[in-house]
C-alpha atoms as a PDB file:
ATOM      1  CA  UNK A   1     -26.074  -6.057  31.085  1.00  0.00           C
ATOM      2  CA  UNK A   2     -29.710  -7.183  30.810  1.00  0.00           C
ATOM      3  CA  UNK A   3     -31.386  -6.986  27.401  1.00  0.00           C
ATOM      4  CA  UNK A   4     -33.904  -4.123  27.027  1.00  0.00           C
ATOM      5  CA  UNK A   5     -37.490  -4.919  27.925  1.00  0.00           C
ATOM      6  CA  UNK A   6     -40.029  -5.200  25.140  1.00  0.00           C
ATOM      7  CA  UNK A   7     -43.642  -6.000  24.491  1.00  0.00           C
ATOM      8  CA  UNK A   8     -43.469  -9.665  23.559  1.00  0.00           C
ATOM      9  CA  UNK A   9     -46.863  -9.479  21.887  1.00  0.00           C
ATOM     10  CA  UNK A  10     -45.500  -7.196  19.150  1.00  0.00           C
ATOM     11  CA  UNK A  11     -43.291  -8.693  16.473  1.00  0.00           C
ATOM     12  CA  UNK A  12     -40.080  -6.773  15.833  1.00  0.00           C
ATOM     13  CA  UNK A  13     -37.818  -6.107  12.884  1.00  0.00           C
ATOM     14  CA  UNK A  14     -34.286  -6.760  14.148  1.00  0.00           C
ATOM     15  CA  UNK A  15     -31.695  -4.965  12.029  1.00  0.00           C
ATOM     16  CA  UNK A  16     -28.067  -6.132  12.071  1.00  0.00           C
ATOM     17  CA  UNK A  17     -25.157  -4.081  10.694  1.00  0.00           C
ATOM     18  CA  UNK A  18     -21.403  -4.724  10.698  1.00  0.00           C
ATOM     19  CA  UNK A  19     -18.193  -3.207   9.338  1.00  0.00           C
ATOM     20  CA  UNK A  20     -14.773  -4.826   9.467  1.00  0.00           C
ATOM     21  CA  UNK A  21     -12.683  -1.768  10.436  1.00  0.00           C
ATOM     22  CA  UNK A  22     -13.061   1.660  12.012  1.00  0.00           C
ATOM     23  CA  UNK A  23     -12.342   3.262   8.626  1.00  0.00           C
ATOM     24  CA  UNK A  24     -15.343   1.639   6.925  1.00  0.00           C
ATOM     25  CA  UNK A  25     -18.728   3.342   6.763  1.00  0.00           C
ATOM     26  CA  UNK A  26     -22.248   1.981   7.209  1.00  0.00           C
ATOM     27  CA  UNK A  27     -23.532   4.431   4.580  1.00  0.00           C
ATOM     28  CA  UNK A  28     -24.342   1.737   1.989  1.00  0.00           C
ATOM     29  CA  UNK A  29     -26.076  -0.437   4.586  1.00  0.00           C
ATOM     30  CA  UNK A  30     -28.075   2.532   5.850  1.00  0.00           C
ATOM     31  CA  UNK A  31     -29.195   3.391   2.307  1.00  0.00           C
ATOM     32  CA  UNK A  32     -30.465  -0.146   1.645  1.00  0.00           C
ATOM     33  CA  UNK A  33     -32.187  -0.342   5.045  1.00  0.00           C
ATOM     34  CA  UNK A  34     -33.803   3.074   4.629  1.00  0.00           C
ATOM     35  CA  UNK A  35     -35.274   2.075   1.250  1.00  0.00           C
ATOM     36  CA  UNK A  36     -36.838  -0.904   3.032  1.00  0.00           C
ATOM     37  CA  UNK A  37     -38.360   1.413   5.665  1.00  0.00           C
ATOM     38  CA  UNK A  38     -35.999   0.245   8.428  1.00  0.00           C
ATOM     39  CA  UNK A  39     -34.765   3.387  10.170  1.00  0.00           C
ATOM     40  CA  UNK A  40     -33.875   4.154  13.792  1.00  0.00           C
ATOM     41  CA  UNK A  41     -36.897   5.329  15.773  1.00  0.00           C
ATOM     42  CA  UNK A  42     -39.422   3.524  13.598  1.00  0.00           C
ATOM     43  CA  UNK A  43     -41.928   1.562  15.625  1.00  0.00           C
ATOM     44  CA  UNK A  44     -41.029  -2.095  15.904  1.00  0.00           C
ATOM     45  CA  UNK A  45     -37.505  -1.624  14.508  1.00  0.00           C
ATOM     46  CA  UNK A  46     -34.493  -2.392  16.694  1.00  0.00           C
ATOM     47  CA  UNK A  47     -30.866  -1.929  15.549  1.00  0.00           C
ATOM     48  CA  UNK A  48     -27.870  -4.046  16.597  1.00  0.00           C
ATOM     49  CA  UNK A  49     -24.335  -3.675  15.299  1.00  0.00           C
ATOM     50  CA  UNK A  50     -20.826  -5.070  15.432  1.00  0.00           C
ATOM     51  CA  UNK A  51     -18.494  -2.189  14.512  1.00  0.00           C
ATOM     52  CA  UNK A  52     -14.894  -2.984  13.553  1.00  0.00           C
ATOM     53  CA  UNK A  53     -15.557  -6.722  13.730  1.00  0.00           C
ATOM     54  CA  UNK A  54     -13.905  -9.183  11.376  1.00  0.00           C
ATOM     55  CA  UNK A  55     -16.115 -11.499   9.354  1.00  0.00           C
ATOM     56  CA  UNK A  56     -13.763 -14.296  10.398  1.00  0.00           C
ATOM     57  CA  UNK A  57     -15.507 -14.261  13.794  1.00  0.00           C
ATOM     58  CA  UNK A  58     -18.621 -16.475  13.491  1.00  0.00           C
ATOM     59  CA  UNK A  59     -21.826 -14.440  13.600  1.00  0.00           C
ATOM     60  CA  UNK A  60     -23.173 -16.257  16.670  1.00  0.00           C
ATOM     61  CA  UNK A  61     -19.998 -15.361  18.629  1.00  0.00           C
ATOM     62  CA  UNK A  62     -20.098 -11.606  17.982  1.00  0.00           C
ATOM     63  CA  UNK A  63     -21.077  -9.285  20.825  1.00  0.00           C
ATOM     64  CA  UNK A  64     -23.632  -7.330  18.800  1.00  0.00           C
ATOM     65  CA  UNK A  65     -25.342 -10.451  17.492  1.00  0.00           C
ATOM     66  CA  UNK A  66     -25.470 -11.934  20.997  1.00  0.00           C
ATOM     67  CA  UNK A  67     -27.356  -8.816  22.165  1.00  0.00           C
ATOM     68  CA  UNK A  68     -29.726  -9.318  19.244  1.00  0.00           C
ATOM     69  CA  UNK A  69     -30.166 -12.954  20.238  1.00  0.00           C
ATOM     70  CA  UNK A  70     -31.063 -11.923  23.794  1.00  0.00           C
ATOM     71  CA  UNK A  71     -33.691  -9.494  22.494  1.00  0.00           C
ATOM     72  CA  UNK A  72     -35.231 -11.733  19.837  1.00  0.00           C
ATOM     73  CA  UNK A  73     -38.600 -13.426  20.285  1.00  0.00           C
ATOM     74  CA  UNK A  74     -40.487 -15.973  18.129  1.00  0.00           C
ATOM     75  CA  UNK A  75     -42.051 -14.269  15.129  1.00  0.00           C
ATOM     76  CA  UNK A  76     -39.390 -11.547  14.795  1.00  0.00           C
ATOM     77  CA  UNK A  77     -37.531 -10.926  11.544  1.00  0.00           C
ATOM     78  CA  UNK A  78     -33.742 -10.580  11.334  1.00  0.00           C
ATOM     79  CA  UNK A  79     -32.897  -8.066   8.565  1.00  0.00           C
ATOM     80  CA  UNK A  80     -29.485  -7.459   6.965  1.00  0.00           C
ATOM     81  CA  UNK A  81     -28.675  -5.216   4.002  1.00  0.00           C
ATOM     82  CA  UNK A  82     -26.329  -7.819   2.473  1.00  0.00           C
ATOM     83  CA  UNK A  83     -25.696 -11.384   3.531  1.00  0.00           C
ATOM     84  CA  UNK A  84     -21.922 -10.972   3.920  1.00  0.00           C
ATOM     85  CA  UNK A  85     -22.525  -8.352   6.626  1.00  0.00           C
ATOM     86  CA  UNK A  86     -23.870 -11.239   8.679  1.00  0.00           C
ATOM     87  CA  UNK A  87     -22.052 -14.320   7.337  1.00  0.00           C
ATOM     88  CA  UNK A  88     -19.171 -15.079   5.017  1.00  0.00           C
ATOM     89  CA  UNK A  89     -19.031 -18.818   4.359  1.00  0.00           C
ATOM     90  CA  UNK A  90     -21.460 -21.695   3.996  1.00  0.00           C
ATOM     91  CA  UNK A  91     -20.809 -23.063   7.490  1.00  0.00           C
ATOM     92  CA  UNK A  92     -21.568 -19.720   9.161  1.00  0.00           C
ATOM     93  CA  UNK A  93     -24.719 -19.145   7.084  1.00  0.00           C
ATOM     94  CA  UNK A  94     -26.048 -22.582   7.944  1.00  0.00           C
ATOM     95  CA  UNK A  95     -25.330 -21.937  11.630  1.00  0.00           C
ATOM     96  CA  UNK A  96     -27.349 -18.697  11.524  1.00  0.00           C
ATOM     97  CA  UNK A  97     -30.209 -20.443   9.674  1.00  0.00           C
ATOM     98  CA  UNK A  98     -30.254 -23.138  12.338  1.00  0.00           C
ATOM     99  CA  UNK A  99     -30.335 -20.491  15.101  1.00  0.00           C
ATOM    100  CA  UNK A 100     -33.217 -18.692  13.357  1.00  0.00           C
ATOM    101  CA  UNK A 101     -35.171 -21.922  12.969  1.00  0.00           C
ATOM    102  CA  UNK A 102     -34.639 -22.867  16.623  1.00  0.00           C
ATOM    103  CA  UNK A 103     -35.835 -19.436  17.790  1.00  0.00           C
ATOM    104  CA  UNK A 104     -38.597 -19.085  15.150  1.00  0.00           C
ATOM    105  CA  UNK A 105     -37.001 -15.942  13.732  1.00  0.00           C
ATOM    106  CA  UNK A 106     -37.287 -15.121  10.038  1.00  0.00           C
ATOM    107  CA  UNK A 107     -34.150 -14.152   8.078  1.00  0.00           C
ATOM    108  CA  UNK A 108     -34.422 -11.487   5.376  1.00  0.00           C
ATOM    109  CA  UNK A 109     -31.592 -10.239   3.113  1.00  0.00           C
ATOM    110  CA  UNK A 110     -32.474  -6.955   1.420  1.00  0.00           C
ATOM    111  CA  UNK A 111     -29.990  -6.906  -1.493  1.00  0.00           C
ATOM    112  CA  UNK A 112     -27.893  -9.382  -3.445  1.00  0.00           C
ATOM    113  CA  UNK A 113     -28.515 -12.825  -4.873  1.00  0.00           C
ATOM    114  CA  UNK A 114     -30.622 -14.040  -1.935  1.00  0.00           C
ATOM    115  CA  UNK A 115     -32.809 -10.938  -1.621  1.00  0.00           C
ATOM    116  CA  UNK A 116     -35.645 -12.537  -3.569  1.00  0.00           C
ATOM    117  CA  UNK A 117     -36.291 -15.133  -0.851  1.00  0.00           C
ATOM    118  CA  UNK A 118     -38.843 -13.962   1.724  1.00  0.00           C
ATOM    119  CA  UNK A 119     -37.427 -16.020   4.588  1.00  0.00           C
ATOM    120  CA  UNK A 120     -33.979 -17.556   4.227  1.00  0.00           C
ATOM    121  CA  UNK A 121     -34.516 -19.465   7.470  1.00  0.00           C
ATOM    122  CA  UNK A 122     -37.568 -21.291   6.157  1.00  0.00           C
ATOM    123  CA  UNK A 123     -37.120 -25.054   6.458  1.00  0.00           C
ATOM    124  CA  UNK A 124     -39.059 -26.054   3.333  1.00  0.00           C
ATOM    125  CA  UNK A 125     -37.217 -28.062   0.676  1.00  0.00           C
ATOM    126  CA  UNK A 126     -37.246 -25.340  -2.008  1.00  0.00           C
ATOM    127  CA  UNK A 127     -35.769 -22.617   0.214  1.00  0.00           C
ATOM    128  CA  UNK A 128     -33.178 -25.004   1.603  1.00  0.00           C
ATOM    129  CA  UNK A 129     -32.121 -26.012  -1.922  1.00  0.00           C
ATOM    130  CA  UNK A 130     -31.900 -22.398  -3.176  1.00  0.00           C
ATOM    131  CA  UNK A 131     -29.879 -21.277  -0.173  1.00  0.00           C
ATOM    132  CA  UNK A 132     -27.463 -24.190  -0.447  1.00  0.00           C
ATOM    133  CA  UNK A 133     -26.973 -23.748  -4.212  1.00  0.00           C
ATOM    134  CA  UNK A 134     -26.473 -19.987  -4.165  1.00  0.00           C
ATOM    135  CA  UNK A 135     -24.165 -20.067  -1.164  1.00  0.00           C
ATOM    136  CA  UNK A 136     -22.164 -22.947  -2.652  1.00  0.00           C
ATOM    137  CA  UNK A 137     -21.717 -21.010  -5.894  1.00  0.00           C
ATOM    138  CA  UNK A 138     -20.463 -17.989  -3.963  1.00  0.00           C
ATOM    139  CA  UNK A 139     -18.078 -20.174  -1.981  1.00  0.00           C
ATOM    140  CA  UNK A 140     -16.863 -21.760  -5.228  1.00  0.00           C
ATOM    141  CA  UNK A 141     -16.137 -18.310  -6.703  1.00  0.00           C
ATOM    142  CA  UNK A 142     -14.090 -17.316  -3.651  1.00  0.00           C
ATOM    143  CA  UNK A 143     -12.197 -20.614  -3.645  1.00  0.00           C
ATOM    144  CA  UNK A 144     -11.500 -20.263  -7.387  1.00  0.00           C
ATOM    145  CA  UNK A 145     -10.240 -16.725  -6.914  1.00  0.00           C
ATOM    146  CA  UNK A 146      -7.930 -17.869  -4.115  1.00  0.00           C
ATOM    147  CA  UNK A 147      -6.680 -20.728  -6.275  1.00  0.00           C
ATOM    148  CA  UNK A 148      -5.936 -18.399  -9.198  1.00  0.00           C
ATOM    149  CA  UNK A 149      -4.133 -16.026  -6.839  1.00  0.00           C
ATOM    150  CA  UNK A 150      -1.949 -18.845  -5.527  1.00  0.00           C
ATOM    151  CA  UNK A 151      -1.168 -20.018  -9.065  1.00  0.00           C
ATOM    152  CA  UNK A 152      -0.275 -16.467 -10.104  1.00  0.00           C
ATOM    153  CA  UNK A 153       2.051 -16.068  -7.140  1.00  0.00           C
ATOM    154  CA  UNK A 154       3.684 -19.431  -7.858  1.00  0.00           C
ATOM    155  CA  UNK A 155       4.309 -18.406 -11.474  1.00  0.00           C
ATOM    156  CA  UNK A 156       5.752 -15.068 -10.398  1.00  0.00           C
ATOM    157  CA  UNK A 157       8.045 -16.747  -7.863  1.00  0.00           C
ATOM    158  CA  UNK A 158       9.200 -19.224 -10.513  1.00  0.00           C
ATOM    159  CA  UNK A 159      10.236 -16.249 -12.654  1.00  0.00           C
ATOM    160  CA  UNK A 160      12.276 -14.788  -9.831  1.00  0.00           C
ATOM    161  CA  UNK A 161       9.792 -12.363  -8.310  1.00  0.00           C
ATOM    162  CA  UNK A 162       9.788 -11.910  -4.558  1.00  0.00           C
ATOM    163  CA  UNK A 163       6.922 -11.162  -2.199  1.00  0.00           C
ATOM    164  CA  UNK A 164       6.644 -10.002   1.377  1.00  0.00           C
ATOM    165  CA  UNK A 165       8.722  -7.370   3.093  1.00  0.00           C
ATOM    166  CA  UNK A 166      12.052  -6.643   1.507  1.00  0.00           C
ATOM    167  CA  UNK A 167      15.081  -7.519   3.642  1.00  0.00           C
ATOM    168  CA  UNK A 168      16.881  -4.939   5.721  1.00  0.00           C
ATOM    169  CA  UNK A 169      20.424  -3.870   4.931  1.00  0.00           C
ATOM    170  CA  UNK A 170      21.772  -5.601   8.043  1.00  0.00           C
ATOM    171  CA  UNK A 171      20.230  -8.913   6.955  1.00  0.00           C
ATOM    172  CA  UNK A 172      22.062  -8.674   3.636  1.00  0.00           C
ATOM    173  CA  UNK A 173      25.385  -7.984   5.329  1.00  0.00           C
ATOM    174  CA  UNK A 174      26.122  -4.915   3.190  1.00  0.00           C
ATOM    175  CA  UNK A 175      25.942  -2.168   5.815  1.00  0.00           C
ATOM    176  CA  UNK A 176      29.604  -1.189   5.391  1.00  0.00           C
ATOM    177  CA  UNK A 177      29.305  -1.129   1.593  1.00  0.00           C
ATOM    178  CA  UNK A 178      26.177   1.028   1.758  1.00  0.00           C
ATOM    179  CA  UNK A 179      27.719   3.500   4.182  1.00  0.00           C
ATOM    180  CA  UNK A 180      30.907   3.747   2.122  1.00  0.00           C
ATOM    181  CA  UNK A 181      28.975   4.348  -1.080  1.00  0.00           C
ATOM    182  CA  UNK A 182      26.771   6.947   0.612  1.00  0.00           C
ATOM    183  CA  UNK A 183      29.807   8.828   1.928  1.00  0.00           C
ATOM    184  CA  UNK A 184      31.217   9.006  -1.583  1.00  0.00           C
ATOM    185  CA  UNK A 185      28.067  10.435  -3.097  1.00  0.00           C
ATOM    186  CA  UNK A 186      25.660   7.599  -3.909  1.00  0.00           C
ATOM    187  CA  UNK A 187      22.045   8.603  -3.375  1.00  0.00           C
ATOM    188  CA  UNK A 188      19.604   6.775  -1.115  1.00  0.00           C
ATOM    189  CA  UNK A 189      17.351   5.944  -4.069  1.00  0.00           C
ATOM    190  CA  UNK A 190      20.240   4.519  -6.083  1.00  0.00           C
ATOM    191  CA  UNK A 191      21.455   2.395  -3.168  1.00  0.00           C
ATOM    192  CA  UNK A 192      17.926   1.090  -2.600  1.00  0.00           C
ATOM    193  CA  UNK A 193      17.684   0.000  -6.248  1.00  0.00           C
ATOM    194  CA  UNK A 194      21.168  -1.509  -6.200  1.00  0.00           C
ATOM    195  CA  UNK A 195      20.515  -3.686  -3.144  1.00  0.00           C
ATOM    196  CA  UNK A 196      16.771  -4.306  -3.770  1.00  0.00           C
ATOM    197  CA  UNK A 197      15.696  -2.835  -0.434  1.00  0.00           C
ATOM    198  CA  UNK A 198      13.429   0.042   0.555  1.00  0.00           C
ATOM    199  CA  UNK A 199      14.692   3.596   0.855  1.00  0.00           C
ATOM    200  CA  UNK A 200      13.797   3.450   4.533  1.00  0.00           C
ATOM    201  CA  UNK A 201      16.213   0.543   4.990  1.00  0.00           C
ATOM    202  CA  UNK A 202      19.001   2.625   3.431  1.00  0.00           C
ATOM    203  CA  UNK A 203      18.144   5.623   5.607  1.00  0.00           C
ATOM    204  CA  UNK A 204      18.345   3.409   8.679  1.00  0.00           C
ATOM    205  CA  UNK A 205      21.782   2.158   7.673  1.00  0.00           C
ATOM    206  CA  UNK A 206      23.117   5.682   7.107  1.00  0.00           C
ATOM    207  CA  UNK A 207      21.066   7.492   9.766  1.00  0.00           C
ATOM    208  CA  UNK A 208      24.055   9.108  11.466  1.00  0.00           C
ATOM    209  CA  UNK A 209      25.401  10.302   8.105  1.00  0.00           C
ATOM    210  CA  UNK A 210      22.245  12.157   7.070  1.00  0.00           C
ATOM    211  CA  UNK A 211      22.136  15.975   7.210  1.00  0.00           C
ATOM    212  CA  UNK A 212      20.760  17.591  10.375  1.00  0.00           C
ATOM    213  CA  UNK A 213      21.548  14.544  12.503  1.00  0.00           C
ATOM    214  CA  UNK A 214      23.515  15.428  15.645  1.00  0.00           C
ATOM    215  CA  UNK A 215      25.227  12.038  15.614  1.00  0.00           C
ATOM    216  CA  UNK A 216      26.951  12.559  12.287  1.00  0.00           C
ATOM    217  CA  UNK A 217      30.738  12.927  12.377  1.00  0.00           C
ATOM    218  CA  UNK A 218      32.394  16.266  11.821  1.00  0.00           C
ATOM    219  CA  UNK A 219      32.968  17.023   8.178  1.00  0.00           C
ATOM    220  CA  UNK A 220      33.461  20.004   5.914  1.00  0.00           C
ATOM    221  CA  UNK A 221      30.549  21.059   3.727  1.00  0.00           C
ATOM    222  CA  UNK A 222      32.450  20.248   0.544  1.00  0.00           C
ATOM    223  CA  UNK A 223      33.088  16.637   1.546  1.00  0.00           C
ATOM    224  CA  UNK A 224      29.778  15.919   3.334  1.00  0.00           C
ATOM    225  CA  UNK A 225      27.082  17.444   1.138  1.00  0.00           C
ATOM    226  CA  UNK A 226      25.481  15.503  -1.681  1.00  0.00           C
ATOM    227  CA  UNK A 227      24.270  17.641  -4.576  1.00  0.00           C
ATOM    228  CA  UNK A 228      22.380  17.055  -7.806  1.00  0.00           C
ATOM    229  CA  UNK A 229      23.854  18.778 -10.872  1.00  0.00           C
ATOM    230  CA  UNK A 230      22.391  18.664 -14.368  1.00  0.00           C
ATOM    231  CA  UNK A 231      25.196  17.557 -16.680  1.00  0.00           C
ATOM    232  CA  UNK A 232      24.943  18.272 -20.441  1.00  0.00           C
ATOM    233  CA  UNK A 233      24.590  15.119 -22.506  1.00  0.00           C
ATOM    234  CA  UNK A 234      27.767  15.937 -24.439  1.00  0.00           C
ATOM    235  CA  UNK A 235      29.768  15.799 -21.182  1.00  0.00           C
ATOM    236  CA  UNK A 236      28.114  12.553 -20.076  1.00  0.00           C
ATOM    237  CA  UNK A 237      28.739  10.909 -23.469  1.00  0.00           C
ATOM    238  CA  UNK A 238      32.394  11.961 -23.425  1.00  0.00           C
ATOM    239  CA  UNK A 239      32.906  10.590 -19.906  1.00  0.00           C
ATOM    240  CA  UNK A 240      31.201   7.292 -20.678  1.00  0.00           C
ATOM    241  CA  UNK A 241      33.247   6.776 -23.840  1.00  0.00           C
ATOM    242  CA  UNK A 242      36.593   7.498 -22.194  1.00  0.00           C
ATOM    243  CA  UNK A 243      38.357   5.271 -19.709  1.00  0.00           C
ATOM    244  CA  UNK A 244      40.177   6.550 -16.669  1.00  0.00           C
ATOM    245  CA  UNK A 245      37.256   7.316 -14.354  1.00  0.00           C
ATOM    246  CA  UNK A 246      37.410   6.041 -10.764  1.00  0.00           C
ATOM    247  CA  UNK A 247      34.858   3.533  -9.474  1.00  0.00           C
ATOM    248  CA  UNK A 248      32.922   6.189  -7.550  1.00  0.00           C
ATOM    249  CA  UNK A 249      32.727   8.545 -10.519  1.00  0.00           C
ATOM    250  CA  UNK A 250      31.691   5.724 -12.850  1.00  0.00           C
ATOM    251  CA  UNK A 251      28.987   4.602 -10.403  1.00  0.00           C
ATOM    252  CA  UNK A 252      27.642   8.156 -10.147  1.00  0.00           C
ATOM    253  CA  UNK A 253      27.303   8.284 -13.939  1.00  0.00           C
ATOM    254  CA  UNK A 254      25.650   4.861 -14.102  1.00  0.00           C
ATOM    255  CA  UNK A 255      23.055   5.870 -11.527  1.00  0.00           C
ATOM    256  CA  UNK A 256      22.358   9.288 -13.069  1.00  0.00           C
ATOM    257  CA  UNK A 257      18.851  10.023 -14.334  1.00  0.00           C
ATOM    258  CA  UNK A 258      18.570  10.873 -18.028  1.00  0.00           C
ATOM    259  CA  UNK A 259      16.283  13.760 -19.048  1.00  0.00           C
ATOM    260  CA  UNK A 260      15.377  14.137 -22.722  1.00  0.00           C
ATOM    261  CA  UNK A 261      15.299  17.668 -24.124  1.00  0.00           C
ATOM    262  CA  UNK A 262      14.110  17.765 -27.712  1.00  0.00           C
ATOM    263  CA  UNK A 263      16.732  15.970 -29.795  1.00  0.00           C
ATOM    264  CA  UNK A 264      19.321  16.212 -27.029  1.00  0.00           C
ATOM    265  CA  UNK A 265      19.465  15.147 -23.416  1.00  0.00           C
ATOM    266  CA  UNK A 266      21.064  15.860 -20.055  1.00  0.00           C
ATOM    267  CA  UNK A 267      21.688  13.716 -16.974  1.00  0.00           C
ATOM    268  CA  UNK A 268      21.017  14.536 -13.330  1.00  0.00           C
ATOM    269  CA  UNK A 269      24.065  13.332 -11.423  1.00  0.00           C
ATOM    270  CA  UNK A 270      23.748  12.911  -7.646  1.00  0.00           C
ATOM    271  CA  UNK A 271      27.133  12.975  -5.907  1.00  0.00           C
ATOM    272  CA  UNK A 272      29.360  14.988  -3.570  1.00  0.00           C
ATOM    273  CA  UNK A 273      31.073  18.133  -4.893  1.00  0.00           C
ATOM    274  CA  UNK A 274      34.332  16.158  -4.823  1.00  0.00           C
ATOM    275  CA  UNK A 275      32.945  13.582  -7.248  1.00  0.00           C
ATOM    276  CA  UNK A 276      31.535  16.300  -9.509  1.00  0.00           C
ATOM    277  CA  UNK A 277      34.913  18.060  -9.554  1.00  0.00           C
ATOM    278  CA  UNK A 278      36.556  14.769 -10.554  1.00  0.00           C
ATOM    279  CA  UNK A 279      34.030  14.371 -13.376  1.00  0.00           C
ATOM    280  CA  UNK A 280      34.627  17.945 -14.503  1.00  0.00           C
ATOM    281  CA  UNK A 281      38.380  17.346 -14.494  1.00  0.00           C
ATOM    282  CA  UNK A 282      37.925  14.148 -16.520  1.00  0.00           C
ATOM    283  CA  UNK A 283      35.991  16.164 -19.108  1.00  0.00           C
ATOM    284  CA  UNK A 284      38.835  18.670 -19.419  1.00  0.00           C
ATOM    285  CA  UNK A 285      39.542  17.664 -23.009  1.00  0.00           C
ATOM    286  CA  UNK A 286      36.285  19.355 -24.013  1.00  0.00           C
ATOM    287  CA  UNK A 287      37.652  22.662 -22.754  1.00  0.00           C
ATOM    288  CA  UNK A 288      41.139  22.264 -24.206  1.00  0.00           C
ATOM    289  CA  UNK A 289      42.540  24.124 -27.183  1.00  0.00           C
ATOM    290  CA  UNK A 290      41.232  22.678 -30.410  1.00  0.00           C
ATOM    291  CA  UNK A 291      37.893  21.553 -28.983  1.00  0.00           C
ATOM    292  CA  UNK A 292      34.752  22.689 -30.772  1.00  0.00           C
ATOM    293  CA  UNK A 293      32.712  25.640 -29.593  1.00  0.00           C
ATOM    294  CA  UNK A 294      29.899  23.226 -28.650  1.00  0.00           C
ATOM    295  CA  UNK A 295      32.336  21.260 -26.457  1.00  0.00           C
ATOM    296  CA  UNK A 296      33.536  24.461 -24.750  1.00  0.00           C
ATOM    297  CA  UNK A 297      29.942  25.521 -24.141  1.00  0.00           C
ATOM    298  CA  UNK A 298      28.942  22.171 -22.623  1.00  0.00           C
ATOM    299  CA  UNK A 299      31.974  22.197 -20.321  1.00  0.00           C
ATOM    300  CA  UNK A 300      31.263  25.775 -19.225  1.00  0.00           C
ATOM    301  CA  UNK A 301      27.598  25.012 -18.518  1.00  0.00           C
ATOM    302  CA  UNK A 302      28.466  22.017 -16.333  1.00  0.00           C
ATOM    303  CA  UNK A 303      31.157  24.020 -14.502  1.00  0.00           C
ATOM    304  CA  UNK A 304      28.792  26.930 -13.818  1.00  0.00           C
ATOM    305  CA  UNK A 305      25.962  24.644 -12.647  1.00  0.00           C
ATOM    306  CA  UNK A 306      28.329  22.778 -10.360  1.00  0.00           C
ATOM    307  CA  UNK A 307      29.730  25.923  -8.783  1.00  0.00           C
ATOM    308  CA  UNK A 308      26.305  27.502  -8.318  1.00  0.00           C
ATOM    309  CA  UNK A 309      24.727  24.350  -6.834  1.00  0.00           C
ATOM    310  CA  UNK A 310      27.613  23.751  -4.427  1.00  0.00           C
ATOM    311  CA  UNK A 311      27.573  27.353  -3.200  1.00  0.00           C
ATOM    312  CA  UNK A 312      23.815  27.285  -2.677  1.00  0.00           C
ATOM    313  CA  UNK A 313      24.011  24.082  -0.663  1.00  0.00           C
ATOM    314  CA  UNK A 314      26.516  25.554   1.800  1.00  0.00           C
ATOM    315  CA  UNK A 315      24.596  28.809   2.055  1.00  0.00           C
ATOM    316  CA  UNK A 316      26.877  31.097   0.047  1.00  0.00           C
ATOM    317  CA  UNK A 317      24.900  31.341  -3.186  1.00  0.00           C
ATOM    318  CA  UNK A 318      21.970  33.568  -3.957  1.00  0.00           C
END
């Protein structure tokens, strides 16, 4: 496509804008340009842009800048709201300065550290020194920040931290263990914490076991459903202090979430009704003859909550 025709006897203000992604806005650039009197439709002002263009692409290689280059004539001024909209590193800035000098185009930055220089493309010794110093300082700051980031990551890794995407369940070789634990009442969140993977990875491993999935095997509601029941702290303390619990029941207690209530507490236990019934049975001593009234009350509360929650989950409760 041929560049638009223009009156070569009239000097133009060439305005360049750029954003890195589609989500970014040119609002800030427009505000700075408007304050400088550079608005679309103004005589002698011509806009060029590179939307959704990474700064890693050298300015001279961008499509929008190449259109600007085809339109430019000696005596024009290239205007940018901020220098990093046009260039990012010292090499790219020097390349643009060289292009401006070769085509006798002035370079004006409207905000930032270099905004006080009338023409950044001027070849005099003072301008060249100021540009090189200021750009080198900016480059030094970026390099220092990158160096500190690398050192911070190295220190974190040395202390055992991990970065990057967490591994999938299949990569860890624990698919069977995860599925078995899920069938017996372990929650997705608890399994994710246990194996240091995302919840999505656990859901993938147990996809056919999740509710409302047509692939899941036939099962009765009582054995398939996983429910959350609030267990009184007195029950939880009794169960944790007494041996005899199975591995599944003990794991359900270990993974339960504690909720403080004044001076007391309760725990939210996520498990199948079967596991909850086993826990209730193991707490039977609190409902036996000779137990205190507080023990009887705690047992009764847990029993009632369990029965109500289980009935609601299979559609029989109110």
